[in-house]
Amino acid sequence: MGGLLAKHFSTLADEIIILARKQRAETDNIKTILWDGMAEGEWINEMEGADLLVNLCGKNVNCRYTTKNKQEIINSRIIPTRLLNKVMMKLAHPPKLWINITSSTIYRHAEDEPQDEYTGEIGYGFSIDVCKAWEESFFETVIKGTRKVALRMGIVLGRSDGAFPRLFNLVKFGLGGKQGNGKQIVNWIHEQDAIRSIEFILNHDQMEGIVNCTSPNAVDNNTLMTNIRKAYGIPFGLPTPAWLLSIGALIIGTETELILKSRWVQPAALMDAGFKFQYEENDVAVRDIISLRI
């Protein structure tokens, strides 16, 4: 997401600043400044007078929920968020908009009806507790002159990273059938719509607080895998039952929750504000991504 955001806004902004743990060569109007997400530094000066701050910090949850990993998952989200709050309180002209990328997994397991920002029900369990603490640390400080949006992001489908390349590899090796019973809902969003939604929020001052960032047309796992197979031209894929997923997750060091939880989420706030998705239908989104990969 970071690279895509920088590329997208490089044609719209005078300067793009990336805060990262590793230095990168400056290209055009994009430059990288080192930070560790834990302590103040010279990077603070770069935030003065900025139009937009997007916080993408967070350890990948694609791991086993050991005590060590759980603490790292929590700390990697809350510590940088509280640091940014602390720093921005000191600025004469803090960023006009701060978008914290959080997660739509905060909602309950839902197969019966979609969950939106207005009536959606919060779930329970470790991942939900992380999301709740993350958003609480974000909103606990009110910064004068800064509009805050917690963007509850769905599963971003894109070419180079995230969930899609892994699902695509399963299809290529003939393992692209449904996972579990295949009925769990996938709250996906095309990477370009995810980026465009951030620009949309920047240009619509009335948007603040909680905003869901998912396609309005969620699909179940079986449909998603079918769409990937069709787009690639493979008619059949072996399914993976839940018991086998549990064994596989243990071997590769992840949790079955990432695959089996039913996330049915609606982007009501975006739609109410008039946002138009380029990729509303999953089969169209999948064909676009695969055409760019092949």
Protein backbone atom coordinates (compact mmCIF):
# COMPACT_ATOMS: atom_id res chain seq x y z
CA MET A 1 0.00 0.00 0.00
CA GLY A 2 2.76 2.45 0.85
CA GLY A 3 4.39 2.27 -2.56
CA LEU A 4 1.06 2.48 -4.37
CA LEU A 5 0.02 5.50 -2.30
CA ALA A 6 3.29 7.30 -2.98
CA LYS A 7 3.04 6.67 -6.72
CA HIS A 8 -0.60 7.77 -6.87
CA PHE A 9 -0.11 11.01 -4.94
CA SER A 10 3.22 11.89 -6.59
CA THR A 11 1.29 13.43 -9.48
CA LEU A 12 -1.05 15.32 -7.13
CA ALA A 13 1.28 16.61 -4.41
CA ASP A 14 4.36 18.82 -4.32
CA GLU A 15 6.20 16.36 -2.12
CA ILE A 16 5.69 12.87 -0.70
CA ILE A 17 7.48 11.90 2.52
CA ILE A 18 7.75 8.23 3.48
CA LEU A 19 8.68 7.43 7.07
CA ALA A 20 10.44 4.06 7.02
CA ARG A 21 12.98 1.97 8.92
CA LYS A 22 15.20 1.59 5.83
CA GLN A 23 16.56 4.37 3.66
CA ARG A 24 15.58 4.44 -0.01
CA ALA A 25 16.90 6.51 -2.89
CA GLU A 26 14.96 9.69 -3.56
CA THR A 27 12.93 9.57 -6.76
CA ASP A 28 11.23 12.61 -8.32
CA ASN A 29 9.23 14.23 -5.50
CA ILE A 30 9.27 11.16 -3.21
CA LYS A 31 11.81 10.93 -0.42
CA THR A 32 12.29 8.62 2.56
CA ILE A 33 13.08 9.73 6.12
CA LEU A 34 14.19 7.22 8.74
CA TRP A 35 12.11 6.60 11.86
CA ASP A 36 11.63 3.66 14.20
CA GLY A 37 8.00 4.31 15.14
CA MET A 38 8.96 4.55 18.80
CA ALA A 39 10.85 7.80 19.39
CA GLU A 40 10.79 11.40 18.24
CA GLY A 41 13.33 12.52 15.66
CA GLU A 42 14.05 14.94 12.83
CA TRP A 43 11.13 13.46 10.89
CA ILE A 44 8.79 15.58 13.03
CA ASN A 45 9.67 18.68 10.99
CA GLU A 46 8.39 17.02 7.82
CA MET A 47 4.87 16.82 9.25
CA GLU A 48 4.50 20.56 9.77
CA GLY A 49 1.89 21.90 7.37
CA ALA A 50 1.24 18.57 5.63
CA ASP A 51 -2.10 18.03 3.90
CA LEU A 52 -2.34 14.30 4.59
CA LEU A 53 -0.82 11.75 6.94
CA VAL A 54 -1.48 8.03 6.32
CA ASN A 55 -0.35 5.60 9.01
CA LEU A 56 0.21 2.05 7.74
CA CYS A 57 2.20 0.73 10.72
CA GLY A 58 1.53 -2.78 11.97
CA LYS A 59 3.21 -6.17 12.15
CA ASN A 60 1.79 -8.66 9.67
CA VAL A 61 -0.90 -10.77 11.35
CA ASN A 62 -0.06 -13.71 9.10
CA CYS A 63 1.67 -15.57 11.94
CA ARG A 64 0.92 -17.86 14.88
CA TYR A 65 -0.67 -16.06 17.81
CA THR A 66 2.08 -16.85 20.30
CA THR A 67 2.52 -14.62 23.34
CA LYS A 68 5.52 -12.93 21.70
CA ASN A 69 3.78 -12.37 18.37
CA LYS A 70 0.63 -11.08 20.05
CA GLN A 71 2.60 -8.44 21.93
CA GLU A 72 4.46 -7.43 18.77
CA ILE A 73 1.19 -7.16 16.83
CA ILE A 74 -0.27 -4.88 19.50
CA ASN A 75 2.85 -2.77 20.09
CA SER A 76 3.56 -2.24 16.39
CA ARG A 77 0.17 -0.56 16.05
CA ILE A 78 -0.40 1.27 19.31
CA ILE A 79 3.09 2.66 19.99
CA PRO A 80 3.50 4.46 16.61
CA THR A 81 -0.10 5.74 16.77
CA ARG A 82 0.38 7.24 20.23
CA LEU A 83 3.75 8.66 19.16
CA LEU A 84 2.14 10.43 16.20
CA ASN A 85 -0.60 11.79 18.46
CA LYS A 86 2.03 13.13 20.89
CA VAL A 87 4.10 14.72 18.14
CA MET A 88 1.18 16.31 16.32
CA MET A 89 0.03 18.02 19.50
CA LYS A 90 3.29 20.01 19.40
CA LEU A 91 2.98 21.18 15.81
CA ALA A 92 1.84 24.70 14.93
CA HIS A 93 0.22 23.36 11.77
CA PRO A 94 -0.38 19.61 12.06
CA PRO A 95 -1.54 17.57 9.04
CA LYS A 96 -5.05 18.56 7.97
CA LEU A 97 -6.13 14.93 7.64
CA TRP A 98 -4.81 11.85 9.42
CA ILE A 99 -5.96 8.48 8.10
CA ASN A 100 -5.07 5.50 10.26
CA ILE A 101 -5.40 2.27 8.28
CA THR A 102 -7.10 -0.16 10.64
CA SER A 103 -8.99 -3.38 9.87
CA SER A 104 -12.53 -4.41 9.04
CA THR A 105 -11.92 -7.64 10.92
CA ILE A 106 -13.13 -5.72 13.99
CA TYR A 107 -16.69 -6.79 13.13
CA ARG A 108 -18.17 -10.10 14.23
CA HIS A 109 -18.18 -13.29 12.17
CA ALA A 110 -21.15 -12.56 9.89
CA GLU A 111 -22.89 -14.84 7.42
CA ASP A 112 -26.39 -13.46 8.04
CA GLU A 113 -26.09 -9.76 7.18
CA PRO A 114 -23.47 -7.15 6.31
CA GLN A 115 -21.84 -4.98 8.96
CA ASP A 116 -21.57 -1.24 8.34
CA GLU A 117 -20.27 1.78 10.28
CA TYR A 118 -23.70 2.63 11.70
CA THR A 119 -25.15 -0.66 12.91
CA GLY A 120 -22.29 -3.13 12.63
CA GLU A 121 -21.59 -5.36 15.64
CA ILE A 122 -18.07 -5.64 17.06
CA GLY A 123 -16.80 -9.20 17.42
CA TYR A 124 -14.66 -10.88 20.08
CA GLY A 125 -11.27 -12.54 20.22
CA PHE A 126 -7.64 -11.49 19.95
CA SER A 127 -7.74 -9.82 16.52
CA ILE A 128 -10.80 -7.79 17.49
CA ASP A 129 -9.18 -6.75 20.78
CA VAL A 130 -6.20 -5.50 18.77
CA CYS A 131 -8.44 -3.46 16.48
CA LYS A 132 -10.33 -1.95 19.40
CA ALA A 133 -7.16 -0.96 21.25
CA TRP A 134 -5.68 0.39 17.99
CA GLU A 135 -8.64 2.66 17.30
CA GLU A 136 -8.85 3.76 20.93
CA SER A 137 -5.20 4.85 20.84
CA PHE A 138 -5.93 6.76 17.63
CA PHE A 139 -8.99 8.66 18.84
CA GLU A 140 -7.89 9.20 22.45
CA THR A 141 -6.20 12.49 21.52
CA VAL A 142 -8.06 15.36 19.84
CA ILE A 143 -5.75 17.45 17.67
CA LYS A 144 -6.97 20.91 16.77
CA GLY A 145 -6.99 21.43 13.02
CA THR A 146 -6.67 17.71 12.19
CA ARG A 147 -9.51 15.59 10.85
CA LYS A 148 -9.16 11.92 11.82
CA VAL A 149 -10.40 8.87 9.92
CA ALA A 150 -9.95 5.26 11.00
CA LEU A 151 -10.12 3.48 7.64
CA ARG A 152 -11.25 -0.08 8.32
CA MET A 153 -9.59 -1.77 5.38
CA GLY A 154 -10.79 -5.05 3.91
CA ILE A 155 -8.61 -7.64 2.18
CA VAL A 156 -6.77 -5.67 -0.50
CA LEU A 157 -6.53 -7.58 -3.79
CA GLY A 158 -3.48 -6.50 -5.74
CA ARG A 159 -0.72 -7.70 -8.01
CA SER A 160 2.44 -7.76 -5.94
CA ASP A 161 1.67 -8.43 -2.30
CA GLY A 162 -0.98 -9.39 0.23
CA ALA A 163 -3.53 -12.18 -0.06
CA PHE A 164 -4.02 -12.36 -3.82
CA PRO A 165 -0.58 -13.68 -4.89
CA ARG A 166 -0.93 -16.48 -2.34
CA LEU A 167 -4.41 -17.45 -3.53
CA PHE A 168 -3.26 -17.22 -7.13
CA ASN A 169 -0.39 -19.61 -6.44
CA LEU A 170 -2.84 -22.14 -5.01
CA VAL A 171 -4.85 -21.94 -8.24
CA LYS A 172 -1.76 -22.36 -10.43
CA PHE A 173 -0.84 -25.56 -8.60
CA GLY A 174 -4.34 -27.03 -8.79
CA LEU A 175 -5.20 -26.33 -5.14
CA GLY A 176 -7.54 -23.43 -5.78
CA GLY A 177 -10.77 -24.91 -4.49
CA LYS A 178 -12.82 -23.57 -1.61
CA GLN A 179 -11.26 -23.33 1.84
CA GLY A 180 -13.32 -24.85 4.64
CA ASN A 181 -16.98 -24.95 3.57
CA GLY A 182 -16.41 -21.99 1.25
CA LYS A 183 -19.37 -20.07 2.70
CA GLN A 184 -17.33 -17.55 4.68
CA ILE A 185 -17.69 -14.03 3.26
CA VAL A 186 -14.61 -12.21 1.97
CA ASN A 187 -14.69 -8.42 2.31
CA TRP A 188 -12.31 -7.64 -0.52
CA ILE A 189 -11.33 -4.41 -2.27
CA HIS A 190 -9.25 -3.80 -5.41
CA GLU A 191 -5.99 -2.02 -4.61
CA GLN A 192 -6.84 0.88 -6.92
CA ASP A 193 -10.16 1.49 -5.15
CA ALA A 194 -8.36 1.39 -1.80
CA ILE A 195 -6.00 4.13 -3.00
CA ARG A 196 -8.78 6.15 -4.62
CA SER A 197 -10.84 6.04 -1.43
CA ILE A 198 -8.02 7.81 0.43
CA GLU A 199 -7.93 10.59 -2.16
CA PHE A 200 -11.74 10.81 -1.97
CA ILE A 201 -11.67 11.22 1.82
CA LEU A 202 -8.99 13.90 1.48
CA ASN A 203 -11.29 15.87 -0.83
CA HIS A 204 -14.46 15.44 1.25
CA ASP A 205 -14.10 17.35 4.49
CA GLN A 206 -17.32 15.97 5.97
CA MET A 207 -15.83 12.49 6.27
CA GLU A 208 -14.34 11.67 9.66
CA GLY A 209 -14.42 8.98 12.31
CA ILE A 210 -14.97 5.36 11.26
CA VAL A 211 -15.01 4.55 7.53
CA ASN A 212 -15.17 1.04 6.04
CA CYS A 213 -13.04 0.43 2.97
CA THR A 214 -14.36 -2.66 1.18
CA SER A 215 -16.16 -3.41 -2.06
CA PRO A 216 -19.95 -3.02 -1.75
CA ASN A 217 -20.29 -6.50 -3.25
CA ALA A 218 -18.67 -9.03 -0.96
CA VAL A 219 -18.41 -12.65 -2.15
CA ASP A 220 -18.02 -15.95 -0.37
CA ASN A 221 -14.74 -17.83 -0.42
CA ASN A 222 -15.99 -20.39 -2.95
CA THR A 223 -16.97 -17.63 -5.40
CA LEU A 224 -13.64 -15.85 -4.99
CA MET A 225 -11.66 -19.00 -5.72
CA THR A 226 -13.94 -19.82 -8.68
CA ASN A 227 -13.37 -16.34 -10.12
CA ILE A 228 -9.59 -16.69 -9.83
CA ARG A 229 -9.67 -20.09 -11.54
CA LYS A 230 -11.88 -18.83 -14.36
CA ALA A 231 -9.70 -15.77 -14.94
CA TYR A 232 -6.61 -17.97 -15.15
CA GLY A 233 -8.29 -20.66 -17.23
CA ILE A 234 -8.22 -23.55 -14.79
CA PRO A 235 -11.63 -25.24 -14.43
CA PHE A 236 -10.98 -27.19 -11.24
CA GLY A 237 -9.15 -26.76 -7.95
CA LEU A 238 -8.85 -29.13 -5.03
CA PRO A 239 -10.76 -27.91 -1.96
CA THR A 240 -9.11 -27.66 1.45
CA PRO A 241 -11.28 -28.84 4.37
CA ALA A 242 -11.06 -27.03 7.70
CA TRP A 243 -9.17 -29.87 9.43
CA LEU A 244 -6.47 -29.79 6.76
CA LEU A 245 -6.27 -26.01 6.96
CA SER A 246 -5.54 -26.34 10.68
CA ILE A 247 -2.60 -28.64 9.98
CA GLY A 248 -1.34 -26.44 7.15
CA ALA A 249 -1.61 -23.28 9.25
CA LEU A 250 0.45 -24.92 11.98
CA ILE A 251 3.13 -25.93 9.48
CA ILE A 252 3.47 -22.54 7.76
CA GLY A 253 3.04 -20.53 10.95
CA THR A 254 -0.30 -18.78 10.57
CA GLU A 255 -3.87 -18.91 11.95
CA THR A 256 -6.95 -20.40 10.26
CA GLU A 257 -8.97 -17.38 11.40
CA LEU A 258 -7.42 -15.41 8.54
CA ILE A 259 -9.12 -17.79 6.09
CA LEU A 260 -12.21 -19.11 7.85
CA LYS A 261 -13.66 -16.03 9.53
CA SER A 262 -16.67 -14.66 7.64
CA ARG A 263 -16.12 -10.93 7.14
CA TRP A 264 -19.21 -9.37 5.56
CA VAL A 265 -18.67 -5.62 5.61
CA GLN A 266 -20.39 -2.77 3.78
CA PRO A 267 -18.75 0.63 3.01
CA ALA A 268 -21.85 2.64 3.90
CA ALA A 269 -20.03 5.90 4.70
CA LEU A 270 -18.13 5.93 1.41
CA MET A 271 -21.25 5.16 -0.61
CA ASP A 272 -23.31 7.75 1.27
CA ALA A 273 -20.66 10.35 0.44
CA GLY A 274 -20.84 9.47 -3.26
CA PHE A 275 -17.69 7.42 -3.78
CA LYS A 276 -17.77 5.45 -7.05
CA PHE A 277 -15.93 2.15 -7.12
CA GLN A 278 -14.06 1.27 -10.29
CA TYR A 279 -14.18 -2.42 -9.38
CA GLU A 280 -17.50 -3.24 -7.73
CA GLU A 281 -17.70 -6.84 -8.94
CA ASN A 282 -15.20 -9.42 -7.82
CA ASP A 283 -14.87 -11.24 -11.14
CA VAL A 284 -13.99 -7.97 -12.92
CA ALA A 285 -11.42 -7.08 -10.24
CA VAL A 286 -9.82 -10.52 -10.40
CA ARG A 287 -9.57 -10.45 -14.20
CA ASP A 288 -7.90 -7.04 -14.05
CA ILE A 289 -5.32 -8.16 -11.51
CA ILE A 290 -4.50 -11.40 -13.31
CA SER A 291 -4.20 -9.64 -16.69
CA LEU A 292 -1.53 -7.38 -15.18
CA ARG A 293 0.31 -10.31 -13.54
CA ILE A 294 0.56 -12.53 -16.63
